[in-house]
Amino acid sequence: MSHDDQQALQELQRRYSTLLPEGYQDRYDDLEPTPMGSAGVRYGADGQVAWDQMWGSFCDLAMAGGPPHKGTLLEPARREEIDADRAGYAGVVAEISRGIGMITDLAPVESRTPGWIVMECSTAGMAAWLLRTITIENVAVRADGAFLELPAGPAYRLLKEVRNVITVIAKTTHYWVGHMSVMHRQTIADLLNGMNDESPLIRPAYAGDDGHLEVRAALANSVADAVQRETGLTRSPHRHPDWLGLECATPRSAVWMMRMLVAANVLARREEDVLFVPINIEVDPDGTIVFDSVALVHRLGL
């Protein structure tokens, strides 16, 4: 490994360690992605789920090496699905908002963008950290300043998708509030601001419509071809307008590359041994940032 690559690896590892709660910083390489049993459902006197009484603890953050909350990506409903069942959608939004309100100090409401629930975090740094952490848990999420958006849809089931959204925000805010000092949270916010100044965050657009599908597909094809030529990593069978899947040798190698890409300011997630990197025609129109980042991280891991 060249001297420059050694320095790049040390910097990415430093960044990623900083992003983790203090208790993980010296042991995250040793964690196994072992899920805990599902929390039992509890109901209040009114017959509604008592979301604030369901969790005494949480499994390790997927960011730290624990199991992703979802095995596959949980996404927002499309506009036509919502339009076909407005009453069902309103009920899901209300229940997710009620659950999140019971377990956090946040107050979610229906977003102006169909398929999303929006809530204001205490700081922009918190929202930026949750964006990265929840993405790694395989739940779609967006952020703009201090505002965070989570997915919703009329077909979401109470003890499946509704519970998934509430659980992932409960888990991640639990680690942000309960496992990190105020000083460390500020250090994370400063780090993320500095990373954004160095290179724009590459994240999925989640446009929610069919706009520019051909352009996005062409960009994904171009990046996939370039990555294969440079690294040997082949494209997975998954097809998604916002994500490109790359086959890794093992789940462990996918986890390592995911971590280092996040430290390079490229949102990433994994499903088993498939690494997913974002396709964003506005921020990275020719895919250069994603390609360069994947090529660097792959080289550093050899």
C-alpha atoms as a PDB file:
ATOM      1  CA  MET A   1       0.000   0.000   0.000  1.00  0.00           C
ATOM      2  CA  SER A   2       1.339   3.405  -0.933  1.00  0.00           C
ATOM      3  CA  HIS A   3       1.965   6.098   1.647  1.00  0.00           C
ATOM      4  CA  ASP A   4      -0.991   8.105   0.289  1.00  0.00           C
ATOM      5  CA  ASP A   5      -3.282   5.091   0.566  1.00  0.00           C
ATOM      6  CA  GLN A   6      -2.125   4.444   4.115  1.00  0.00           C
ATOM      7  CA  GLN A   7      -2.991   8.008   5.040  1.00  0.00           C
ATOM      8  CA  ALA A   8      -6.370   7.759   3.292  1.00  0.00           C
ATOM      9  CA  LEU A   9      -7.225   4.562   5.147  1.00  0.00           C
ATOM     10  CA  GLN A  10      -6.231   6.034   8.503  1.00  0.00           C
ATOM     11  CA  GLU A  11      -8.367   9.125   7.852  1.00  0.00           C
ATOM     12  CA  LEU A  12     -11.445   7.095   6.838  1.00  0.00           C
ATOM     13  CA  GLN A  13     -11.056   4.862   9.892  1.00  0.00           C
ATOM     14  CA  ARG A  14     -10.686   7.925  12.125  1.00  0.00           C
ATOM     15  CA  ARG A  15     -13.842   9.471  10.698  1.00  0.00           C
ATOM     16  CA  TYR A  16     -15.872   6.310  11.046  1.00  0.00           C
ATOM     17  CA  SER A  17     -14.746   5.756  14.619  1.00  0.00           C
ATOM     18  CA  THR A  18     -15.752   9.343  15.426  1.00  0.00           C
ATOM     19  CA  LEU A  19     -19.251   8.757  14.010  1.00  0.00           C
ATOM     20  CA  LEU A  20     -19.867   5.912  16.457  1.00  0.00           C
ATOM     21  CA  PRO A  21     -21.030   6.248  20.065  1.00  0.00           C
ATOM     22  CA  GLU A  22     -18.041   6.232  22.410  1.00  0.00           C
ATOM     23  CA  GLY A  23     -18.736   2.705  23.654  1.00  0.00           C
ATOM     24  CA  TYR A  24     -18.243   1.257  20.186  1.00  0.00           C
ATOM     25  CA  GLN A  25     -15.079   3.035  19.144  1.00  0.00           C
ATOM     26  CA  ASP A  26     -12.571   0.395  20.248  1.00  0.00           C
ATOM     27  CA  ARG A  27     -14.620  -2.708  19.534  1.00  0.00           C
ATOM     28  CA  TYR A  28     -16.789  -2.269  16.448  1.00  0.00           C
ATOM     29  CA  ASP A  29     -14.632  -4.611  14.341  1.00  0.00           C
ATOM     30  CA  ASP A  30     -15.466  -7.441  16.746  1.00  0.00           C
ATOM     31  CA  LEU A  31     -19.263  -7.099  16.689  1.00  0.00           C
ATOM     32  CA  GLU A  32     -21.362  -9.785  15.055  1.00  0.00           C
ATOM     33  CA  PRO A  33     -24.650  -8.933  13.257  1.00  0.00           C
ATOM     34  CA  THR A  34     -26.758 -11.036  15.611  1.00  0.00           C
ATOM     35  CA  PRO A  35     -30.367  -9.846  15.950  1.00  0.00           C
ATOM     36  CA  MET A  36     -32.221  -9.757  19.245  1.00  0.00           C
ATOM     37  CA  GLY A  37     -35.662 -11.240  19.568  1.00  0.00           C
ATOM     38  CA  SER A  38     -38.531  -8.944  18.647  1.00  0.00           C
ATOM     39  CA  ALA A  39     -39.950  -6.931  21.517  1.00  0.00           C
ATOM     40  CA  GLY A  40     -43.354  -8.139  22.653  1.00  0.00           C
ATOM     41  CA  VAL A  41     -46.299  -5.979  21.712  1.00  0.00           C
ATOM     42  CA  ARG A  42     -47.929  -4.111  24.575  1.00  0.00           C
ATOM     43  CA  TYR A  43     -51.267  -2.345  24.533  1.00  0.00           C
ATOM     44  CA  GLY A  44     -52.555   0.523  26.644  1.00  0.00           C
ATOM     45  CA  ALA A  45     -55.922   0.795  28.333  1.00  0.00           C
ATOM     46  CA  ASP A  46     -57.259   2.460  25.188  1.00  0.00           C
ATOM     47  CA  GLY A  47     -56.461  -0.639  23.133  1.00  0.00           C
ATOM     48  CA  GLN A  48     -53.713   1.094  21.146  1.00  0.00           C
ATOM     49  CA  VAL A  49     -50.124  -0.120  20.966  1.00  0.00           C
ATOM     50  CA  ALA A  50     -48.120   1.278  23.887  1.00  0.00           C
ATOM     51  CA  TRP A  51     -45.004   2.041  21.884  1.00  0.00           C
ATOM     52  CA  ASP A  52     -43.261   3.654  24.841  1.00  0.00           C
ATOM     53  CA  GLN A  53     -43.451   0.421  26.863  1.00  0.00           C
ATOM     54  CA  MET A  54     -42.064  -2.022  24.291  1.00  0.00           C
ATOM     55  CA  TRP A  55     -38.283  -1.673  24.479  1.00  0.00           C
ATOM     56  CA  GLY A  56     -35.922  -2.035  27.392  1.00  0.00           C
ATOM     57  CA  SER A  57     -32.872  -2.353  25.160  1.00  0.00           C
ATOM     58  CA  PHE A  58     -31.882  -2.469  21.504  1.00  0.00           C
ATOM     59  CA  CYS A  59     -29.510  -4.589  19.453  1.00  0.00           C
ATOM     60  CA  ASP A  60     -26.267  -2.986  18.320  1.00  0.00           C
ATOM     61  CA  LEU A  61     -26.409  -0.283  15.682  1.00  0.00           C
ATOM     62  CA  ALA A  62     -25.953  -1.602  12.156  1.00  0.00           C
ATOM     63  CA  MET A  63     -23.478   1.271  11.760  1.00  0.00           C
ATOM     64  CA  ALA A  64     -21.381  -0.349  14.485  1.00  0.00           C
ATOM     65  CA  GLY A  65     -21.666  -3.874  13.074  1.00  0.00           C
ATOM     66  CA  GLY A  66     -25.015  -5.022  14.426  1.00  0.00           C
ATOM     67  CA  PRO A  67     -27.756  -6.451  12.207  1.00  0.00           C
ATOM     68  CA  PRO A  68     -29.609  -4.045   9.910  1.00  0.00           C
ATOM     69  CA  HIS A  69     -33.111  -3.484  11.228  1.00  0.00           C
ATOM     70  CA  LYS A  70     -34.528  -4.471   7.832  1.00  0.00           C
ATOM     71  CA  GLY A  71     -33.151  -7.210   5.609  1.00  0.00           C
ATOM     72  CA  THR A  72     -34.274  -5.291   2.530  1.00  0.00           C
ATOM     73  CA  LEU A  73     -34.990  -1.616   2.005  1.00  0.00           C
ATOM     74  CA  LEU A  74     -38.243  -0.246   3.433  1.00  0.00           C
ATOM     75  CA  GLU A  75     -39.433   2.466   1.044  1.00  0.00           C
ATOM     76  CA  PRO A  76     -42.172   5.115   0.931  1.00  0.00           C
ATOM     77  CA  ALA A  77     -45.322   4.422  -1.040  1.00  0.00           C
ATOM     78  CA  ARG A  78     -45.706   5.866  -4.499  1.00  0.00           C
ATOM     79  CA  ARG A  79     -48.138   8.703  -5.110  1.00  0.00           C
ATOM     80  CA  GLU A  80     -50.627   6.508  -6.991  1.00  0.00           C
ATOM     81  CA  GLU A  81     -50.778   4.039  -4.072  1.00  0.00           C
ATOM     82  CA  ILE A  82     -51.494   6.885  -1.675  1.00  0.00           C
ATOM     83  CA  ASP A  83     -54.122   8.441  -3.918  1.00  0.00           C
ATOM     84  CA  ALA A  84     -55.880   5.069  -4.128  1.00  0.00           C
ATOM     85  CA  ASP A  85     -56.237   4.826  -0.328  1.00  0.00           C
ATOM     86  CA  ARG A  86     -56.119   8.235   1.301  1.00  0.00           C
ATOM     87  CA  ALA A  87     -57.867   7.077   4.473  1.00  0.00           C
ATOM     88  CA  GLY A  88     -55.453   4.185   4.953  1.00  0.00           C
ATOM     89  CA  TYR A  89     -52.498   6.465   4.378  1.00  0.00           C
ATOM     90  CA  ALA A  90     -53.765   9.016   6.904  1.00  0.00           C
ATOM     91  CA  GLY A  91     -54.145   6.252   9.482  1.00  0.00           C
ATOM     92  CA  VAL A  92     -50.577   5.027   8.958  1.00  0.00           C
ATOM     93  CA  VAL A  93     -49.158   8.551   9.181  1.00  0.00           C
ATOM     94  CA  ALA A  94     -51.104   9.168  12.380  1.00  0.00           C
ATOM     95  CA  GLU A  95     -49.943   5.924  14.007  1.00  0.00           C
ATOM     96  CA  ILE A  96     -46.276   6.353  13.095  1.00  0.00           C
ATOM     97  CA  SER A  97     -46.425   9.942  14.330  1.00  0.00           C
ATOM     98  CA  ARG A  98     -48.115   8.858  17.562  1.00  0.00           C
ATOM     99  CA  GLY A  99     -45.513   6.148  18.162  1.00  0.00           C
ATOM    100  CA  ILE A 100     -42.518   8.370  17.509  1.00  0.00           C
ATOM    101  CA  GLY A 101     -44.007  11.087  19.684  1.00  0.00           C
ATOM    102  CA  MET A 102     -44.405   8.616  22.558  1.00  0.00           C
ATOM    103  CA  ILE A 103     -40.778   7.472  22.526  1.00  0.00           C
ATOM    104  CA  THR A 104     -38.934  10.678  21.610  1.00  0.00           C
ATOM    105  CA  ASP A 105     -39.238  14.421  22.071  1.00  0.00           C
ATOM    106  CA  LEU A 106     -39.843  14.739  18.326  1.00  0.00           C
ATOM    107  CA  ALA A 107     -43.197  15.701  16.811  1.00  0.00           C
ATOM    108  CA  PRO A 108     -43.668  14.093  13.363  1.00  0.00           C
ATOM    109  CA  VAL A 109     -46.297  15.320  10.906  1.00  0.00           C
ATOM    110  CA  GLU A 110     -47.263  14.393   7.374  1.00  0.00           C
ATOM    111  CA  SER A 111     -44.752  15.762   4.880  1.00  0.00           C
ATOM    112  CA  ARG A 112     -45.812  17.863   1.926  1.00  0.00           C
ATOM    113  CA  THR A 113     -44.164  15.161  -0.177  1.00  0.00           C
ATOM    114  CA  PRO A 114     -46.428  12.084  -0.422  1.00  0.00           C
ATOM    115  CA  GLY A 115     -44.967   8.981   1.154  1.00  0.00           C
ATOM    116  CA  TRP A 116     -43.022  10.743   3.886  1.00  0.00           C
ATOM    117  CA  ILE A 117     -43.406  11.857   7.489  1.00  0.00           C
ATOM    118  CA  VAL A 118     -41.310  14.836   8.550  1.00  0.00           C
ATOM    119  CA  MET A 119     -40.002  15.828  11.955  1.00  0.00           C
ATOM    120  CA  GLU A 120     -37.632  18.464  13.238  1.00  0.00           C
ATOM    121  CA  CYS A 121     -34.620  17.150  15.140  1.00  0.00           C
ATOM    122  CA  SER A 122     -33.007  19.120  17.935  1.00  0.00           C
ATOM    123  CA  THR A 123     -30.056  20.026  15.688  1.00  0.00           C
ATOM    124  CA  ALA A 124     -28.965  19.680  12.076  1.00  0.00           C
ATOM    125  CA  GLY A 125     -26.106  17.505  13.334  1.00  0.00           C
ATOM    126  CA  MET A 126     -28.577  15.047  14.831  1.00  0.00           C
ATOM    127  CA  ALA A 127     -30.536  14.851  11.572  1.00  0.00           C
ATOM    128  CA  ALA A 128     -27.327  14.352   9.556  1.00  0.00           C
ATOM    129  CA  TRP A 129     -26.203  11.514  11.844  1.00  0.00           C
ATOM    130  CA  LEU A 130     -29.633   9.869  11.818  1.00  0.00           C
ATOM    131  CA  LEU A 131     -29.671  10.074   8.011  1.00  0.00           C
ATOM    132  CA  ARG A 132     -26.531   7.962   7.827  1.00  0.00           C
ATOM    133  CA  THR A 133     -27.443   5.619  10.659  1.00  0.00           C
ATOM    134  CA  ILE A 134     -30.989   4.882   9.497  1.00  0.00           C
ATOM    135  CA  THR A 135     -29.829   4.337   5.909  1.00  0.00           C
ATOM    136  CA  ILE A 136     -27.507   1.606   7.160  1.00  0.00           C
ATOM    137  CA  GLU A 137     -30.500   0.055   8.972  1.00  0.00           C
ATOM    138  CA  ASN A 138     -32.146  -0.351   5.498  1.00  0.00           C
ATOM    139  CA  VAL A 139     -34.967   2.137   6.012  1.00  0.00           C
ATOM    140  CA  ALA A 140     -35.418   4.950   3.479  1.00  0.00           C
ATOM    141  CA  VAL A 141     -34.733   8.348   5.013  1.00  0.00           C
ATOM    142  CA  ARG A 142     -34.132  11.920   3.860  1.00  0.00           C
ATOM    143  CA  ALA A 143     -32.759  14.979   5.640  1.00  0.00           C
ATOM    144  CA  ASP A 144     -32.668  18.714   5.014  1.00  0.00           C
ATOM    145  CA  GLY A 145     -31.057  20.760   7.732  1.00  0.00           C
ATOM    146  CA  ALA A 146     -32.634  19.748  11.028  1.00  0.00           C
ATOM    147  CA  PHE A 147     -35.629  18.144   9.301  1.00  0.00           C
ATOM    148  CA  LEU A 148     -35.706  14.368   8.908  1.00  0.00           C
ATOM    149  CA  GLU A 149     -38.176  12.420   6.772  1.00  0.00           C
ATOM    150  CA  LEU A 150     -39.206   8.778   7.257  1.00  0.00           C
ATOM    151  CA  PRO A 151     -41.284   6.597   4.917  1.00  0.00           C
ATOM    152  CA  ALA A 152     -44.994   5.780   5.076  1.00  0.00           C
ATOM    153  CA  GLY A 153     -47.581   4.091   2.890  1.00  0.00           C
ATOM    154  CA  PRO A 154     -51.237   3.022   3.020  1.00  0.00           C
ATOM    155  CA  ALA A 155     -50.285  -0.670   2.836  1.00  0.00           C
ATOM    156  CA  TYR A 156     -48.020  -0.459   5.903  1.00  0.00           C
ATOM    157  CA  ARG A 157     -49.162  -3.004   8.487  1.00  0.00           C
ATOM    158  CA  LEU A 158     -49.291  -2.067  12.164  1.00  0.00           C
ATOM    159  CA  LEU A 159     -46.952  -4.765  13.471  1.00  0.00           C
ATOM    160  CA  LYS A 160     -44.750  -4.878  10.381  1.00  0.00           C
ATOM    161  CA  GLU A 161     -43.866  -1.699   8.474  1.00  0.00           C
ATOM    162  CA  VAL A 162     -45.385   0.770  10.976  1.00  0.00           C
ATOM    163  CA  ARG A 163     -43.484  -0.976  13.739  1.00  0.00           C
ATOM    164  CA  ASN A 164     -40.310  -0.986  11.585  1.00  0.00           C
ATOM    165  CA  VAL A 165     -40.341   2.792  11.200  1.00  0.00           C
ATOM    166  CA  ILE A 166     -41.064   3.455  14.866  1.00  0.00           C
ATOM    167  CA  THR A 167     -38.454   0.934  15.994  1.00  0.00           C
ATOM    168  CA  VAL A 168     -35.675   2.307  13.810  1.00  0.00           C
ATOM    169  CA  ILE A 169     -36.168   5.859  15.073  1.00  0.00           C
ATOM    170  CA  ALA A 170     -36.446   4.582  18.652  1.00  0.00           C
ATOM    171  CA  LYS A 171     -33.209   2.622  18.263  1.00  0.00           C
ATOM    172  CA  THR A 172     -31.161   5.335  16.591  1.00  0.00           C
ATOM    173  CA  THR A 173     -32.319   8.208  18.810  1.00  0.00           C
ATOM    174  CA  HIS A 174     -31.674   5.964  21.820  1.00  0.00           C
ATOM    175  CA  TYR A 175     -28.009   5.746  20.838  1.00  0.00           C
ATOM    176  CA  TRP A 176     -27.766   9.449  19.936  1.00  0.00           C
ATOM    177  CA  VAL A 177     -29.286  10.675  23.191  1.00  0.00           C
ATOM    178  CA  GLY A 178     -28.349   7.904  25.617  1.00  0.00           C
ATOM    179  CA  HIS A 179     -24.937   6.750  24.460  1.00  0.00           C
ATOM    180  CA  MET A 180     -23.180   9.941  23.372  1.00  0.00           C
ATOM    181  CA  SER A 181     -22.099  12.961  25.334  1.00  0.00           C
ATOM    182  CA  VAL A 182     -23.089  16.450  24.244  1.00  0.00           C
ATOM    183  CA  MET A 183     -19.444  17.115  23.415  1.00  0.00           C
ATOM    184  CA  HIS A 184     -19.217  14.018  21.215  1.00  0.00           C
ATOM    185  CA  ARG A 185     -22.416  14.926  19.374  1.00  0.00           C
ATOM    186  CA  GLN A 186     -20.893  18.309  18.571  1.00  0.00           C
ATOM    187  CA  THR A 187     -17.697  16.604  17.392  1.00  0.00           C
ATOM    188  CA  ILE A 188     -19.800  14.489  15.021  1.00  0.00           C
ATOM    189  CA  ALA A 189     -21.652  17.555  13.723  1.00  0.00           C
ATOM    190  CA  ASP A 190     -18.352  19.342  13.097  1.00  0.00           C
ATOM    191  CA  LEU A 191     -16.941  16.289  11.321  1.00  0.00           C
ATOM    192  CA  LEU A 192     -19.958  15.968   9.029  1.00  0.00           C
ATOM    193  CA  ASN A 193     -19.863  19.682   8.199  1.00  0.00           C
ATOM    194  CA  GLY A 194     -16.196  19.369   7.323  1.00  0.00           C
ATOM    195  CA  MET A 195     -16.844  16.324   5.139  1.00  0.00           C
ATOM    196  CA  ASN A 196     -19.578  18.213   3.293  1.00  0.00           C
ATOM    197  CA  ASP A 197     -17.201  21.101   2.685  1.00  0.00           C
ATOM    198  CA  GLU A 198     -14.638  18.685   1.247  1.00  0.00           C
ATOM    199  CA  SER A 199     -17.040  16.722  -0.969  1.00  0.00           C
ATOM    200  CA  PRO A 200     -20.858  16.808  -1.296  1.00  0.00           C
ATOM    201  CA  LEU A 201     -22.801  14.050   0.416  1.00  0.00           C
ATOM    202  CA  ILE A 202     -23.920  11.520  -2.189  1.00  0.00           C
ATOM    203  CA  ARG A 203     -27.286  10.101  -1.207  1.00  0.00           C
ATOM    204  CA  PRO A 204     -30.302   8.607  -2.960  1.00  0.00           C
ATOM    205  CA  ALA A 205     -32.724  11.215  -4.247  1.00  0.00           C
ATOM    206  CA  TYR A 206     -35.869   9.141  -3.612  1.00  0.00           C
ATOM    207  CA  ALA A 207     -37.663  11.295  -6.165  1.00  0.00           C
ATOM    208  CA  GLY A 208     -40.828   9.220  -5.871  1.00  0.00           C
ATOM    209  CA  ASP A 209     -41.745   9.470  -9.545  1.00  0.00           C
ATOM    210  CA  ASP A 210     -40.631   8.107 -12.888  1.00  0.00           C
ATOM    211  CA  GLY A 211     -38.779  11.246 -13.899  1.00  0.00           C
ATOM    212  CA  HIS A 212     -35.409  10.707 -15.551  1.00  0.00           C
ATOM    213  CA  LEU A 213     -35.657   6.925 -15.167  1.00  0.00           C
ATOM    214  CA  GLU A 214     -33.722   6.326 -18.369  1.00  0.00           C
ATOM    215  CA  VAL A 215     -31.022   8.794 -17.343  1.00  0.00           C
ATOM    216  CA  ARG A 216     -30.687   7.219 -13.913  1.00  0.00           C
ATOM    217  CA  ALA A 217     -30.571   3.716 -15.381  1.00  0.00           C
ATOM    218  CA  ALA A 218     -27.895   4.760 -17.863  1.00  0.00           C
ATOM    219  CA  LEU A 219     -25.825   6.310 -15.073  1.00  0.00           C
ATOM    220  CA  ALA A 220     -26.124   3.150 -12.967  1.00  0.00           C
ATOM    221  CA  ASN A 221     -24.998   1.064 -15.936  1.00  0.00           C
ATOM    222  CA  SER A 222     -22.046   3.356 -16.540  1.00  0.00           C
ATOM    223  CA  VAL A 223     -20.910   3.315 -12.909  1.00  0.00           C
ATOM    224  CA  ALA A 224     -21.380  -0.472 -12.674  1.00  0.00           C
ATOM    225  CA  ASP A 225     -19.263  -1.042 -15.790  1.00  0.00           C
ATOM    226  CA  ALA A 226     -16.516   1.274 -14.557  1.00  0.00           C
ATOM    227  CA  VAL A 227     -16.480  -0.341 -11.107  1.00  0.00           C
ATOM    228  CA  GLN A 228     -16.229  -3.829 -12.599  1.00  0.00           C
ATOM    229  CA  ARG A 229     -13.330  -2.843 -14.846  1.00  0.00           C
ATOM    230  CA  GLU A 230     -11.470  -1.220 -11.958  1.00  0.00           C
ATOM    231  CA  THR A 231     -12.254  -3.582  -9.073  1.00  0.00           C
ATOM    232  CA  GLY A 232     -13.783  -6.771 -10.445  1.00  0.00           C
ATOM    233  CA  LEU A 233     -16.936  -6.225  -8.392  1.00  0.00           C
ATOM    234  CA  THR A 234     -19.967  -7.240 -10.441  1.00  0.00           C
ATOM    235  CA  ARG A 235     -23.414  -5.714 -10.408  1.00  0.00           C
ATOM    236  CA  SER A 236     -26.104  -7.532  -8.427  1.00  0.00           C
ATOM    237  CA  PRO A 237     -29.466  -8.465 -10.003  1.00  0.00           C
ATOM    238  CA  HIS A 238     -31.192  -5.697  -8.003  1.00  0.00           C
ATOM    239  CA  ARG A 239     -32.587  -2.833 -10.055  1.00  0.00           C
ATOM    240  CA  HIS A 240     -33.526   0.380  -8.283  1.00  0.00           C
ATOM    241  CA  PRO A 241     -33.593   3.960  -9.636  1.00  0.00           C
ATOM    242  CA  ASP A 242     -31.695   5.269  -6.599  1.00  0.00           C
ATOM    243  CA  TRP A 243     -29.316   2.436  -5.691  1.00  0.00           C
ATOM    244  CA  LEU A 244     -26.661   0.374  -7.464  1.00  0.00           C
ATOM    245  CA  GLY A 245     -25.988  -3.057  -5.972  1.00  0.00           C
ATOM    246  CA  LEU A 246     -22.472  -4.535  -6.075  1.00  0.00           C
ATOM    247  CA  GLU A 247     -21.681  -8.156  -5.251  1.00  0.00           C
ATOM    248  CA  CYS A 248     -19.033  -8.502  -2.544  1.00  0.00           C
ATOM    249  CA  ALA A 249     -17.139 -11.665  -1.644  1.00  0.00           C
ATOM    250  CA  THR A 250     -18.658 -11.918   1.838  1.00  0.00           C
ATOM    251  CA  PRO A 251     -21.061 -10.013   4.104  1.00  0.00           C
ATOM    252  CA  ARG A 252     -18.044  -8.924   6.128  1.00  0.00           C
ATOM    253  CA  SER A 253     -16.384  -7.324   3.116  1.00  0.00           C
ATOM    254  CA  ALA A 254     -19.669  -5.585   2.270  1.00  0.00           C
ATOM    255  CA  VAL A 255     -19.833  -4.231   5.822  1.00  0.00           C
ATOM    256  CA  TRP A 256     -16.257  -2.942   5.643  1.00  0.00           C
ATOM    257  CA  MET A 257     -16.759  -1.195   2.312  1.00  0.00           C
ATOM    258  CA  MET A 258     -20.064   0.275   3.518  1.00  0.00           C
ATOM    259  CA  ARG A 259     -18.371   1.759   6.571  1.00  0.00           C
ATOM    260  CA  MET A 260     -15.516   3.320   4.629  1.00  0.00           C
ATOM    261  CA  LEU A 261     -17.862   4.734   1.973  1.00  0.00           C
ATOM    262  CA  VAL A 262     -19.951   6.429   4.649  1.00  0.00           C
ATOM    263  CA  ALA A 263     -16.717   7.909   5.997  1.00  0.00           C
ATOM    264  CA  ALA A 264     -16.019   9.136   2.446  1.00  0.00           C
ATOM    265  CA  ASN A 265     -19.404  10.938   2.482  1.00  0.00           C
ATOM    266  CA  VAL A 266     -21.137   8.446   0.189  1.00  0.00           C
ATOM    267  CA  LEU A 267     -24.238   6.941   1.787  1.00  0.00           C
ATOM    268  CA  ALA A 268     -24.153   3.168   1.577  1.00  0.00           C
ATOM    269  CA  ARG A 269     -26.005   0.175   2.940  1.00  0.00           C
ATOM    270  CA  ARG A 270     -25.966  -3.582   2.468  1.00  0.00           C
ATOM    271  CA  GLU A 271     -28.266  -6.550   2.102  1.00  0.00           C
ATOM    272  CA  GLU A 272     -26.286  -9.679   3.036  1.00  0.00           C
ATOM    273  CA  ASP A 273     -23.196  -9.593   0.771  1.00  0.00           C
ATOM    274  CA  VAL A 274     -24.536  -6.933  -1.610  1.00  0.00           C
ATOM    275  CA  LEU A 275     -23.220  -3.410  -1.158  1.00  0.00           C
ATOM    276  CA  PHE A 276     -25.556  -0.622  -2.292  1.00  0.00           C
ATOM    277  CA  VAL A 277     -24.264   2.783  -3.376  1.00  0.00           C
ATOM    278  CA  PRO A 278     -26.453   5.749  -4.386  1.00  0.00           C
ATOM    279  CA  ILE A 279     -27.216   6.996  -7.875  1.00  0.00           C
ATOM    280  CA  ASN A 280     -27.916  10.734  -7.861  1.00  0.00           C
ATOM    281  CA  ILE A 281     -28.029  12.560 -11.188  1.00  0.00           C
ATOM    282  CA  GLU A 282     -28.140  15.998  -9.547  1.00  0.00           C
ATOM    283  CA  VAL A 283     -25.242  15.795  -7.089  1.00  0.00           C
ATOM    284  CA  ASP A 284     -23.080  13.263  -8.952  1.00  0.00           C
ATOM    285  CA  PRO A 285     -24.328  13.507 -12.559  1.00  0.00           C
ATOM    286  CA  ASP A 286     -21.558  11.455 -14.143  1.00  0.00           C
ATOM    287  CA  GLY A 287     -21.050   9.073 -11.208  1.00  0.00           C
ATOM    288  CA  THR A 288     -17.433  10.141 -10.761  1.00  0.00           C
ATOM    289  CA  ILE A 289     -17.647  10.633  -6.993  1.00  0.00           C
ATOM    290  CA  VAL A 290     -19.282   7.255  -6.394  1.00  0.00           C
ATOM    291  CA  PHE A 291     -16.888   5.458  -8.744  1.00  0.00           C
ATOM    292  CA  ASP A 292     -13.772   7.095  -7.276  1.00  0.00           C
ATOM    293  CA  SER A 293     -14.941   6.346  -3.738  1.00  0.00           C
ATOM    294  CA  VAL A 294     -15.749   2.693  -4.448  1.00  0.00           C
ATOM    295  CA  ALA A 295     -12.446   2.202  -6.281  1.00  0.00           C
ATOM    296  CA  LEU A 296     -10.490   3.799  -3.411  1.00  0.00           C
ATOM    297  CA  VAL A 297     -12.231   1.829  -0.676  1.00  0.00           C
ATOM    298  CA  HIS A 298     -11.872  -1.439  -2.598  1.00  0.00           C
ATOM    299  CA  ARG A 299      -8.159  -0.791  -3.082  1.00  0.00           C
ATOM    300  CA  LEU A 300      -7.690   0.053   0.590  1.00  0.00           C
ATOM    301  CA  GLY A 301      -9.355  -3.202   1.609  1.00  0.00           C
ATOM    302  CA  LEU A 302      -7.070  -5.443  -0.448  1.00  0.00           C
END
